[in-house]
C-alpha atoms as a PDB file:
ATOM      1  CA  MET A   1      14.191   5.725  16.498  1.00  0.00           C
ATOM      2  CA  LEU A   2      11.064   4.270  14.852  1.00  0.00           C
ATOM      3  CA  VAL A   3       7.991   5.613  13.216  1.00  0.00           C
ATOM      4  CA  ASP A   4       4.536   4.089  13.655  1.00  0.00           C
ATOM      5  CA  SER A   5       3.148   5.132  10.331  1.00  0.00           C
ATOM      6  CA  HIS A   6      -0.149   3.947  10.699  1.00  0.00           C
ATOM      7  CA  CYS A   7      -2.266   3.900  13.907  1.00  0.00           C
ATOM      8  CA  HIS A   8      -5.703   5.141  14.978  1.00  0.00           C
ATOM      9  CA  LEU A   9      -5.298   7.133  18.244  1.00  0.00           C
ATOM     10  CA  ASP A  10      -8.846   8.692  17.909  1.00  0.00           C
ATOM     11  CA  PHE A  11     -10.416   5.292  18.415  1.00  0.00           C
ATOM     12  CA  PRO A  12     -12.367   4.645  21.821  1.00  0.00           C
ATOM     13  CA  ASP A  13     -10.080   1.918  22.686  1.00  0.00           C
ATOM     14  CA  PHE A  14      -7.407   4.506  23.736  1.00  0.00           C
ATOM     15  CA  GLN A  15      -9.614   7.051  25.567  1.00  0.00           C
ATOM     16  CA  GLU A  16      -8.910   5.658  29.265  1.00  0.00           C
ATOM     17  CA  ASP A  17      -5.303   5.355  28.965  1.00  0.00           C
ATOM     18  CA  PHE A  18      -4.242   7.767  26.065  1.00  0.00           C
ATOM     19  CA  ASP A  19      -1.361   9.512  27.888  1.00  0.00           C
ATOM     20  CA  ALA A  20       0.116   6.215  29.244  1.00  0.00           C
ATOM     21  CA  VAL A  21      -0.027   4.778  25.491  1.00  0.00           C
ATOM     22  CA  LEU A  22       2.161   7.799  24.448  1.00  0.00           C
ATOM     23  CA  SER A  23       4.459   7.323  27.289  1.00  0.00           C
ATOM     24  CA  ARG A  24       4.991   3.881  26.303  1.00  0.00           C
ATOM     25  CA  ALA A  25       5.652   4.600  22.680  1.00  0.00           C
ATOM     26  CA  GLU A  26       8.280   7.158  23.703  1.00  0.00           C
ATOM     27  CA  GLU A  27       9.829   4.615  25.887  1.00  0.00           C
ATOM     28  CA  ALA A  28       9.902   1.928  23.154  1.00  0.00           C
ATOM     29  CA  GLY A  29      11.812   4.474  20.964  1.00  0.00           C
ATOM     30  CA  ILE A  30       8.788   5.520  18.753  1.00  0.00           C
ATOM     31  CA  LYS A  31       9.481   9.149  18.254  1.00  0.00           C
ATOM     32  CA  THR A  32       6.652   9.779  15.452  1.00  0.00           C
ATOM     33  CA  MET A  33       3.442   8.465  15.034  1.00  0.00           C
ATOM     34  CA  MET A  34       0.786   9.123  12.066  1.00  0.00           C
ATOM     35  CA  THR A  35      -2.822   8.786  13.068  1.00  0.00           C
ATOM     36  CA  ILE A  36      -5.080   7.696  10.302  1.00  0.00           C
ATOM     37  CA  CYS A  37      -8.503   9.153   9.535  1.00  0.00           C
ATOM     38  CA  THR A  38     -11.221   6.799   8.436  1.00  0.00           C
ATOM     39  CA  HIS A  39     -14.284   9.071   8.720  1.00  0.00           C
ATOM     40  CA  VAL A  40     -14.106  12.701   7.335  1.00  0.00           C
ATOM     41  CA  THR A  41     -17.022  13.364   9.902  1.00  0.00           C
ATOM     42  CA  LYS A  42     -14.622  12.744  12.593  1.00  0.00           C
ATOM     43  CA  PHE A  43     -11.568  14.286  10.958  1.00  0.00           C
ATOM     44  CA  ASP A  44     -11.872  17.190  13.716  1.00  0.00           C
ATOM     45  CA  GLN A  45     -10.979  14.785  16.446  1.00  0.00           C
ATOM     46  CA  VAL A  46      -8.213  13.131  14.533  1.00  0.00           C
ATOM     47  CA  HIS A  47      -6.791  16.600  13.761  1.00  0.00           C
ATOM     48  CA  ASP A  48      -7.126  17.782  17.264  1.00  0.00           C
ATOM     49  CA  ILE A  49      -4.827  14.945  18.487  1.00  0.00           C
ATOM     50  CA  ALA A  50      -2.225  15.785  15.897  1.00  0.00           C
ATOM     51  CA  LYS A  51      -2.263  19.562  16.773  1.00  0.00           C
ATOM     52  CA  ALA A  52      -1.743  18.786  20.457  1.00  0.00           C
ATOM     53  CA  HIS A  53       1.477  16.961  19.941  1.00  0.00           C
ATOM     54  CA  ASP A  54       4.502  17.861  17.969  1.00  0.00           C
ATOM     55  CA  HIS A  55       5.354  14.115  17.079  1.00  0.00           C
ATOM     56  CA  ILE A  56       2.107  13.051  15.926  1.00  0.00           C
ATOM     57  CA  TYR A  57       0.673  13.603  12.243  1.00  0.00           C
ATOM     58  CA  CYS A  58      -2.388  12.844  10.781  1.00  0.00           C
ATOM     59  CA  THR A  59      -4.357  11.996   7.569  1.00  0.00           C
ATOM     60  CA  VAL A  60      -7.798  12.835   6.129  1.00  0.00           C
ATOM     61  CA  GLY A  61      -9.655  10.379   4.369  1.00  0.00           C
ATOM     62  CA  ILE A  62     -12.659   7.718   4.205  1.00  0.00           C
ATOM     63  CA  HIS A  63     -11.820   4.048   4.643  1.00  0.00           C
ATOM     64  CA  PRO A  64     -13.331   1.898   2.121  1.00  0.00           C
ATOM     65  CA  HIS A  65     -15.578   0.281   4.683  1.00  0.00           C
ATOM     66  CA  ASN A  66     -17.139   3.789   5.262  1.00  0.00           C
ATOM     67  CA  ALA A  67     -17.427   4.885   1.509  1.00  0.00           C
ATOM     68  CA  ASP A  68     -21.290   4.340   1.581  1.00  0.00           C
ATOM     69  CA  SER A  69     -22.055   5.619   4.927  1.00  0.00           C
ATOM     70  CA  GLU A  70     -19.917   8.897   5.018  1.00  0.00           C
ATOM     71  CA  PRO A  71     -20.596  11.940   2.963  1.00  0.00           C
ATOM     72  CA  GLU A  72     -19.222  11.550  -0.556  1.00  0.00           C
ATOM     73  CA  VAL A  73     -16.326  14.115  -0.799  1.00  0.00           C
ATOM     74  CA  SER A  74     -14.896  16.133  -3.540  1.00  0.00           C
ATOM     75  CA  VAL A  75     -11.409  16.777  -4.459  1.00  0.00           C
ATOM     76  CA  ASP A  76     -11.773  20.271  -3.182  1.00  0.00           C
ATOM     77  CA  ASP A  77     -13.210  18.997   0.110  1.00  0.00           C
ATOM     78  CA  LEU A  78     -10.148  16.613   0.702  1.00  0.00           C
ATOM     79  CA  VAL A  79      -7.677  19.590  -0.459  1.00  0.00           C
ATOM     80  CA  GLY A  80      -9.204  21.934   1.984  1.00  0.00           C
ATOM     81  CA  TRP A  81      -8.846  19.582   4.870  1.00  0.00           C
ATOM     82  CA  ALA A  82      -5.457  18.519   3.933  1.00  0.00           C
ATOM     83  CA  SER A  83      -4.116  22.137   3.717  1.00  0.00           C
ATOM     84  CA  ASN A  84      -3.566  22.095   7.505  1.00  0.00           C
ATOM     85  CA  PRO A  85      -0.053  21.856   8.543  1.00  0.00           C
ATOM     86  CA  LYS A  86      -0.470  18.708  10.535  1.00  0.00           C
ATOM     87  CA  VAL A  87      -2.316  16.682   7.656  1.00  0.00           C
ATOM     88  CA  ILE A  88       0.461  15.036   5.826  1.00  0.00           C
ATOM     89  CA  GLY A  89      -1.242  12.432   3.789  1.00  0.00           C
ATOM     90  CA  LEU A  90      -4.904  11.380   2.145  1.00  0.00           C
ATOM     91  CA  GLY A  91      -6.662   8.295   3.252  1.00  0.00           C
ATOM     92  CA  GLU A  92      -6.893   5.728   4.182  1.00  0.00           C
ATOM     93  CA  THR A  93      -8.637   4.808   1.119  1.00  0.00           C
ATOM     94  CA  GLY A  94      -8.722   1.964  -1.234  1.00  0.00           C
ATOM     95  CA  LEU A  95     -10.716  -1.037  -1.934  1.00  0.00           C
ATOM     96  CA  ASP A  96     -12.112  -3.944   0.559  1.00  0.00           C
ATOM     97  CA  TYR A  97     -13.821  -6.864  -1.120  1.00  0.00           C
ATOM     98  CA  PHE A  98     -13.402  -8.903   1.903  1.00  0.00           C
ATOM     99  CA  TYR A  99     -16.059  -7.597   3.925  1.00  0.00           C
ATOM    100  CA  GLU A 100     -17.841  -5.303   1.262  1.00  0.00           C
ATOM    101  CA  HIS A 101     -19.364  -3.083   3.871  1.00  0.00           C
ATOM    102  CA  SER A 102     -19.873  -0.363   0.898  1.00  0.00           C
ATOM    103  CA  PRO A 103     -20.635  -0.896  -2.845  1.00  0.00           C
ATOM    104  CA  ARG A 104     -17.571  -1.659  -5.019  1.00  0.00           C
ATOM    105  CA  GLU A 105     -18.385   1.282  -7.305  1.00  0.00           C
ATOM    106  CA  ILE A 106     -18.646   3.822  -4.400  1.00  0.00           C
ATOM    107  CA  GLN A 107     -15.315   2.435  -3.100  1.00  0.00           C
ATOM    108  CA  GLN A 108     -13.570   2.781  -6.428  1.00  0.00           C
ATOM    109  CA  ARG A 109     -15.172   6.404  -6.993  1.00  0.00           C
ATOM    110  CA  GLN A 110     -13.870   7.696  -3.678  1.00  0.00           C
ATOM    111  CA  PHE A 111     -10.323   5.926  -4.120  1.00  0.00           C
ATOM    112  CA  ARG A 112      -9.980   7.952  -7.359  1.00  0.00           C
ATOM    113  CA  THR A 113     -11.017  11.192  -5.705  1.00  0.00           C
ATOM    114  CA  HIS A 114      -8.511  10.563  -2.907  1.00  0.00           C
ATOM    115  CA  ILE A 115      -5.789  10.073  -5.423  1.00  0.00           C
ATOM    116  CA  GLU A 116      -6.739  13.151  -7.374  1.00  0.00           C
ATOM    117  CA  ALA A 117      -6.466  15.208  -4.299  1.00  0.00           C
ATOM    118  CA  ALA A 118      -3.236  13.593  -3.199  1.00  0.00           C
ATOM    119  CA  ARG A 119      -1.664  14.434  -6.633  1.00  0.00           C
ATOM    120  CA  ALA A 120      -3.029  18.162  -6.534  1.00  0.00           C
ATOM    121  CA  LEU A 121      -1.282  18.581  -2.983  1.00  0.00           C
ATOM    122  CA  ASP A 122       1.770  16.362  -3.826  1.00  0.00           C
ATOM    123  CA  LEU A 123       1.040  14.261  -0.724  1.00  0.00           C
ATOM    124  CA  PRO A 124       0.911  10.494  -0.482  1.00  0.00           C
ATOM    125  CA  VAL A 125      -2.154   8.445  -0.561  1.00  0.00           C
ATOM    126  CA  ILE A 126      -2.464   5.633   2.020  1.00  0.00           C
ATOM    127  CA  ILE A 127      -4.055   2.661   0.371  1.00  0.00           C
ATOM    128  CA  HIS A 128      -5.973  -0.171   1.887  1.00  0.00           C
ATOM    129  CA  THR A 129      -6.479  -3.228  -0.221  1.00  0.00           C
ATOM    130  CA  ARG A 130      -8.004  -6.470   0.709  1.00  0.00           C
ATOM    131  CA  ASP A 131      -9.150  -9.244  -1.549  1.00  0.00           C
ATOM    132  CA  ALA A 132      -9.185  -6.697  -4.262  1.00  0.00           C
ATOM    133  CA  GLU A 133      -5.731  -6.927  -5.689  1.00  0.00           C
ATOM    134  CA  GLU A 134      -6.615  -7.067  -9.284  1.00  0.00           C
ATOM    135  CA  ASP A 135      -8.633  -4.001  -9.095  1.00  0.00           C
ATOM    136  CA  THR A 136      -6.512  -2.147  -6.955  1.00  0.00           C
ATOM    137  CA  LEU A 137      -3.528  -2.794  -9.375  1.00  0.00           C
ATOM    138  CA  ALA A 138      -5.686  -1.938 -12.294  1.00  0.00           C
ATOM    139  CA  MET A 139      -6.768   1.558 -10.789  1.00  0.00           C
ATOM    140  CA  ILE A 140      -3.431   2.481  -9.583  1.00  0.00           C
ATOM    141  CA  GLU A 141      -1.986   1.902 -12.856  1.00  0.00           C
ATOM    142  CA  GLU A 142      -4.729   3.757 -14.580  1.00  0.00           C
ATOM    143  CA  GLU A 143      -4.340   6.747 -12.349  1.00  0.00           C
ATOM    144  CA  MET A 144      -0.288   6.687 -12.625  1.00  0.00           C
ATOM    145  CA  ALA A 145      -0.756   6.679 -16.510  1.00  0.00           C
ATOM    146  CA  LYS A 146      -2.827   9.940 -16.086  1.00  0.00           C
ATOM    147  CA  ALA A 147      -0.113  11.467 -13.840  1.00  0.00           C
ATOM    148  CA  PRO A 148       2.239  10.478 -11.129  1.00  0.00           C
ATOM    149  CA  PHE A 149       1.252  10.296  -7.452  1.00  0.00           C
ATOM    150  CA  LYS A 150       2.912   9.241  -4.051  1.00  0.00           C
ATOM    151  CA  GLY A 151       1.541   6.757  -1.884  1.00  0.00           C
ATOM    152  CA  LEU A 152       2.028   3.456   0.045  1.00  0.00           C
ATOM    153  CA  ILE A 153       0.089   0.326   0.500  1.00  0.00           C
ATOM    154  CA  HIS A 154      -0.560  -0.068   4.229  1.00  0.00           C
ATOM    155  CA  CYS A 155      -0.775  -3.214   6.186  1.00  0.00           C
ATOM    156  CA  PHE A 156       0.595  -5.059   3.324  1.00  0.00           C
ATOM    157  CA  SER A 157      -0.739  -8.636   2.965  1.00  0.00           C
ATOM    158  CA  ALA A 158      -0.910  -9.286  -0.669  1.00  0.00           C
ATOM    159  CA  SER A 159       1.302 -11.347  -2.962  1.00  0.00           C
ATOM    160  CA  LYS A 160       5.082 -11.118  -3.801  1.00  0.00           C
ATOM    161  CA  GLU A 161       4.124 -10.110  -7.552  1.00  0.00           C
ATOM    162  CA  PHE A 162       1.872  -7.291  -6.169  1.00  0.00           C
ATOM    163  CA  ALA A 163       4.607  -5.990  -3.989  1.00  0.00           C
ATOM    164  CA  ALA A 164       7.043  -6.158  -6.896  1.00  0.00           C
ATOM    165  CA  ARG A 165       4.506  -4.065  -9.138  1.00  0.00           C
ATOM    166  CA  MET A 166       3.853  -1.310  -6.530  1.00  0.00           C
ATOM    167  CA  VAL A 167       7.549  -0.872  -6.069  1.00  0.00           C
ATOM    168  CA  ASP A 168       7.943  -0.682  -9.781  1.00  0.00           C
ATOM    169  CA  LEU A 169       5.143   1.999  -9.832  1.00  0.00           C
ATOM    170  CA  GLY A 170       7.036   3.956  -7.146  1.00  0.00           C
ATOM    171  CA  LEU A 171       4.773   3.252  -4.044  1.00  0.00           C
ATOM    172  CA  TYR A 172       6.151   2.045  -0.539  1.00  0.00           C
ATOM    173  CA  ILE A 173       5.186  -0.983   1.179  1.00  0.00           C
ATOM    174  CA  SER A 174       4.237  -0.637   5.174  1.00  0.00           C
ATOM    175  CA  ILE A 175       4.413  -3.768   7.253  1.00  0.00           C
ATOM    176  CA  SER A 176       2.178  -4.469  10.128  1.00  0.00           C
ATOM    177  CA  GLY A 177       2.262  -7.070  13.155  1.00  0.00           C
ATOM    178  CA  ILE A 178       1.039  -9.667  10.685  1.00  0.00           C
ATOM    179  CA  VAL A 179       4.584 -10.139   9.714  1.00  0.00           C
ATOM    180  CA  THR A 180       5.044 -11.857  13.294  1.00  0.00           C
ATOM    181  CA  PHE A 181       2.220 -14.255  12.825  1.00  0.00           C
ATOM    182  CA  LYS A 182       3.190 -18.091  12.717  1.00  0.00           C
ATOM    183  CA  LYS A 183       1.190 -18.539   9.520  1.00  0.00           C
ATOM    184  CA  ALA A 184       2.426 -15.481   7.612  1.00  0.00           C
ATOM    185  CA  ASP A 185       5.107 -17.081   5.610  1.00  0.00           C
ATOM    186  CA  ASP A 186       3.881 -15.833   2.239  1.00  0.00           C
ATOM    187  CA  LEU A 187       4.101 -12.333   3.672  1.00  0.00           C
ATOM    188  CA  ARG A 188       7.532 -12.812   4.862  1.00  0.00           C
ATOM    189  CA  GLU A 189       8.621 -14.150   1.515  1.00  0.00           C
ATOM    190  CA  ALA A 190       7.017 -11.487  -0.026  1.00  0.00           C
ATOM    191  CA  ILE A 191       8.855  -8.766   1.564  1.00  0.00           C
ATOM    192  CA  LYS A 192      12.326 -10.251   1.134  1.00  0.00           C
ATOM    193  CA  ASP A 193      12.555  -8.808  -2.177  1.00  0.00           C
ATOM    194  CA  VAL A 194      11.113  -5.307  -1.452  1.00  0.00           C
ATOM    195  CA  PRO A 195      14.170  -2.753  -1.152  1.00  0.00           C
ATOM    196  CA  LEU A 196      14.858  -1.685   2.197  1.00  0.00           C
ATOM    197  CA  ASP A 197      14.369   1.885   0.903  1.00  0.00           C
ATOM    198  CA  ARG A 198      10.630   1.232   0.139  1.00  0.00           C
ATOM    199  CA  LEU A 199       9.541  -0.144   3.530  1.00  0.00           C
ATOM    200  CA  LEU A 200       7.864   1.414   6.483  1.00  0.00           C
ATOM    201  CA  VAL A 201       6.405  -0.154   9.609  1.00  0.00           C
ATOM    202  CA  GLU A 202       3.215   0.391  11.440  1.00  0.00           C
ATOM    203  CA  THR A 203       0.712  -1.074  14.020  1.00  0.00           C
ATOM    204  CA  ASP A 204      -2.618  -0.207  12.610  1.00  0.00           C
ATOM    205  CA  ALA A 205      -3.355   0.022  16.346  1.00  0.00           C
ATOM    206  CA  PRO A 206      -5.634  -0.889  18.077  1.00  0.00           C
ATOM    207  CA  TYR A 207      -5.527  -3.886  15.692  1.00  0.00           C
ATOM    208  CA  LEU A 208      -3.118  -6.756  14.657  1.00  0.00           C
ATOM    209  CA  ALA A 209      -1.121  -6.714  17.726  1.00  0.00           C
ATOM    210  CA  PRO A 210       2.427  -8.597  16.990  1.00  0.00           C
ATOM    211  CA  ILE A 211       3.724 -11.479  18.809  1.00  0.00           C
ATOM    212  CA  PRO A 212       4.154 -11.538  21.545  1.00  0.00           C
ATOM    213  CA  LYS A 213       1.341  -9.178  22.228  1.00  0.00           C
ATOM    214  CA  ARG A 214      -1.072 -10.870  19.893  1.00  0.00           C
ATOM    215  CA  GLY A 215      -4.895 -10.989  21.285  1.00  0.00           C
ATOM    216  CA  LYS A 216      -4.325  -7.740  23.170  1.00  0.00           C
ATOM    217  CA  ARG A 217      -5.078  -4.224  22.063  1.00  0.00           C
ATOM    218  CA  ASN A 218      -2.253  -3.068  19.873  1.00  0.00           C
ATOM    219  CA  GLU A 219      -0.462   0.310  20.529  1.00  0.00           C
ATOM    220  CA  PRO A 220       2.248   2.124  18.965  1.00  0.00           C
ATOM    221  CA  ALA A 221       4.927   1.080  21.318  1.00  0.00           C
ATOM    222  CA  TYR A 222       4.489  -2.418  19.690  1.00  0.00           C
ATOM    223  CA  THR A 223       6.099  -1.013  16.390  1.00  0.00           C
ATOM    224  CA  ALA A 224       9.230  -2.356  17.835  1.00  0.00           C
ATOM    225  CA  PHE A 225       8.226  -5.950  17.633  1.00  0.00           C
ATOM    226  CA  THR A 226       7.311  -5.726  14.024  1.00  0.00           C
ATOM    227  CA  ALA A 227      10.510  -3.724  13.180  1.00  0.00           C
ATOM    228  CA  ALA A 228      12.496  -6.552  14.867  1.00  0.00           C
ATOM    229  CA  LYS A 229      10.802  -9.220  12.776  1.00  0.00           C
ATOM    230  CA  VAL A 230      11.275  -7.116   9.527  1.00  0.00           C
ATOM    231  CA  ALA A 231      14.864  -6.812  10.449  1.00  0.00           C
ATOM    232  CA  GLU A 232      15.185 -10.719  10.761  1.00  0.00           C
ATOM    233  CA  VAL A 233      13.319 -11.139   7.530  1.00  0.00           C
ATOM    234  CA  LYS A 234      15.591  -8.669   5.608  1.00  0.00           C
ATOM    235  CA  GLY A 235      18.855 -10.083   7.209  1.00  0.00           C
ATOM    236  CA  VAL A 236      19.595  -6.555   8.960  1.00  0.00           C
ATOM    237  CA  ASP A 237      20.231  -5.367  12.106  1.00  0.00           C
ATOM    238  CA  VAL A 238      17.250  -3.488  13.966  1.00  0.00           C
ATOM    239  CA  GLU A 239      19.141  -0.256  13.989  1.00  0.00           C
ATOM    240  CA  THR A 240      19.640  -0.225  10.192  1.00  0.00           C
ATOM    241  CA  LEU A 241      16.039  -1.191   9.775  1.00  0.00           C
ATOM    242  CA  ALA A 242      14.790   1.507  12.012  1.00  0.00           C
ATOM    243  CA  LYS A 243      17.067   4.108  10.361  1.00  0.00           C
ATOM    244  CA  ALA A 244      15.816   3.046   6.701  1.00  0.00           C
ATOM    245  CA  THR A 245      12.025   2.898   7.690  1.00  0.00           C
ATOM    246  CA  THR A 246      12.308   6.246   9.583  1.00  0.00           C
ATOM    247  CA  ASP A 247      14.277   7.825   6.683  1.00  0.00           C
ATOM    248  CA  ASN A 248      11.659   6.545   4.310  1.00  0.00           C
ATOM    249  CA  PHE A 249       8.671   7.804   6.339  1.00  0.00           C
ATOM    250  CA  PHE A 250      10.153  11.370   6.218  1.00  0.00           C
ATOM    251  CA  THR A 251      11.022  11.052   2.507  1.00  0.00           C
ATOM    252  CA  LEU A 252       7.606   9.974   1.391  1.00  0.00           C
ATOM    253  CA  PHE A 253       5.809  12.131   3.974  1.00  0.00           C
ATOM    254  CA  SER A 254       7.996  15.172   3.371  1.00  0.00           C
ATOM    255  CA  LYS A 255       5.353  17.568   4.964  1.00  0.00           C
ATOM    256  CA  ALA A 256       6.239  16.060   8.264  1.00  0.00           C
ATOM    257  CA  LYS A 257       9.133  17.561  10.351  1.00  0.00           C
ATOM    258  CA  GLN A 258      11.477  15.283  12.258  1.00  0.00           C
ATOM    259  CA  VAL A 259      11.658  15.969  15.810  1.00  0.00           C
END
């Protein structure tokens, strides 16, 4: 059994063959999926997918790309949405200085709001960081100093030192199909030292399809390719990796029920 801990099943890429996508995931041993909210204005359609399927959960949040274009939400807003039974995390949120589709100060402000809501509900926050390692670390350290919160770095692609610091702070590390890419040696090196009990796997579908599906639309079934590569990097068999990452998901996202 594997869990795709981060996918976007509400995206238009899946409209034409949604049921087939879920069937292929089942055949590949993907028993649980978490579909991630990137716009609060589209939360209802994300939530509807989760409500319709026992093995799919969801989050509520605003991607840093959309921090400027979406309504600025309060802690109370997020707490209200996240009180629904199928909502098991906050985000994705965080900082993206690569594209900077939204001003940094708005990204930072909304990141803190998501963390505060996650802390209030004792739910994990799903953190996106790209080209913003220094500010992401500083903000997480500042917020942890106020009061602890649970969370993970999704689609991890940062440095070995950053990974170690996140683990020290109690966060989890989620690995996407990037780990299979030919030029991802630094990423593979970074996760060698991440404890097995802090790792999750994901697709970020429809993006970042792993080898041997690179260049195609990604989908939850392809979690299996990422898991196989992570197992190889960690020097364990796939069954051990699958059990560990599944256990980690249900430990971190304790509101989810294993089916």
